[in-house]
Amino acid sequence: MEMLFVPEHRRGQGLAGALLQRAEDEAKARGCKGAYIDTINPDARRAYERQGYKTFGSIDNFTGDYAITWLMKRF
């Protein structure tokens, strides 16, 4: 998956988690052993952490005031 985006008016309904789970299931079916994600959105970072992703790096002020964070999850 290249990008995951849920429109603001649809957030909080579990859609991101469901989409991420489907992507993970497909990755497992294809023999992948894990996944990594990067984000500059703090809310998205927290959502990924709720799905079991762990931060393994970040750069503060990557784009203006935003930090970029890399997260990973092993299957």
Protein backbone atom coordinates (compact mmCIF):
# COMPACT_ATOMS: atom_id res chain seq x y z
CA MET A 1 0.00 0.00 0.00
CA GLU A 2 1.41 3.37 -0.89
CA MET A 3 -0.96 5.63 1.03
CA LEU A 4 -3.70 5.29 3.64
CA PHE A 5 -6.10 8.19 4.03
CA VAL A 6 -9.47 8.43 5.74
CA PRO A 7 -11.51 11.61 5.17
CA GLU A 8 -11.95 13.66 8.32
CA HIS A 9 -15.73 13.13 8.44
CA ARG A 10 -15.18 9.31 8.42
CA ARG A 11 -12.50 9.18 11.12
CA GLY A 12 -13.13 7.49 14.44
CA GLN A 13 -15.16 4.67 12.85
CA GLY A 14 -12.40 2.06 12.69
CA LEU A 15 -11.89 2.42 8.94
CA ALA A 16 -8.14 3.00 9.07
CA GLY A 17 -7.65 -0.03 11.30
CA ALA A 18 -9.79 -2.20 9.01
CA LEU A 19 -7.92 -1.05 5.89
CA LEU A 20 -4.58 -1.59 7.57
CA GLN A 21 -5.62 -5.07 8.70
CA ARG A 22 -6.61 -6.02 5.14
CA ALA A 23 -3.26 -4.78 3.85
CA GLU A 24 -1.43 -6.77 6.54
CA ASP A 25 -3.45 -9.91 5.72
CA GLU A 26 -2.52 -9.55 2.05
CA ALA A 27 1.14 -8.99 2.95
CA LYS A 28 1.15 -12.14 5.10
CA ALA A 29 -0.50 -14.13 2.30
CA ARG A 30 2.33 -13.00 0.01
CA GLY A 31 4.96 -14.16 2.48
CA CYS A 32 5.90 -10.83 4.05
CA LYS A 33 7.26 -10.97 7.59
CA GLY A 34 6.42 -7.40 8.57
CA ALA A 35 5.65 -3.89 7.40
CA TYR A 36 6.90 -0.37 7.87
CA ILE A 37 5.12 2.96 7.66
CA ASP A 38 6.18 6.59 7.70
CA THR A 39 3.99 9.51 8.64
CA ILE A 40 4.15 13.20 9.49
CA ASN A 41 0.66 13.12 11.03
CA PRO A 42 0.68 12.73 14.86
CA ASP A 43 -2.89 11.37 14.87
CA ALA A 44 -1.95 8.75 12.26
CA ARG A 45 1.13 7.81 14.30
CA ARG A 46 -1.07 7.13 17.32
CA ALA A 47 -3.50 5.11 15.17
CA TYR A 48 -0.63 2.95 13.87
CA GLU A 49 0.64 2.44 17.41
CA ARG A 50 -2.83 1.23 18.43
CA GLN A 51 -2.51 -1.37 15.65
CA GLY A 52 0.75 -2.66 17.11
CA TYR A 53 3.32 -0.63 15.15
CA LYS A 54 6.45 0.49 17.01
CA THR A 55 8.48 3.63 16.29
CA PHE A 56 12.02 2.93 15.09
CA GLY A 57 13.08 6.42 14.02
CA SER A 58 12.07 10.04 13.59
CA ILE A 59 13.38 13.39 12.40
CA ASP A 60 12.05 16.56 14.03
CA ASN A 61 11.17 19.54 11.83
CA PHE A 62 11.29 17.34 8.72
CA THR A 63 8.86 19.59 6.84
CA GLY A 64 8.48 22.88 8.63
CA ASP A 65 7.09 22.16 12.08
CA TYR A 66 6.32 18.51 11.32
CA ALA A 67 8.39 15.50 12.35
CA ILE A 68 8.52 12.38 10.23
CA THR A 69 8.21 9.11 12.11
CA TRP A 70 8.96 5.59 10.89
CA LEU A 71 7.08 2.69 12.44
CA MET A 72 7.28 -1.07 11.93
CA LYS A 73 5.40 -4.21 12.81
CA ARG A 74 6.57 -7.81 12.53
CA PHE A 75 4.02 -10.49 11.66
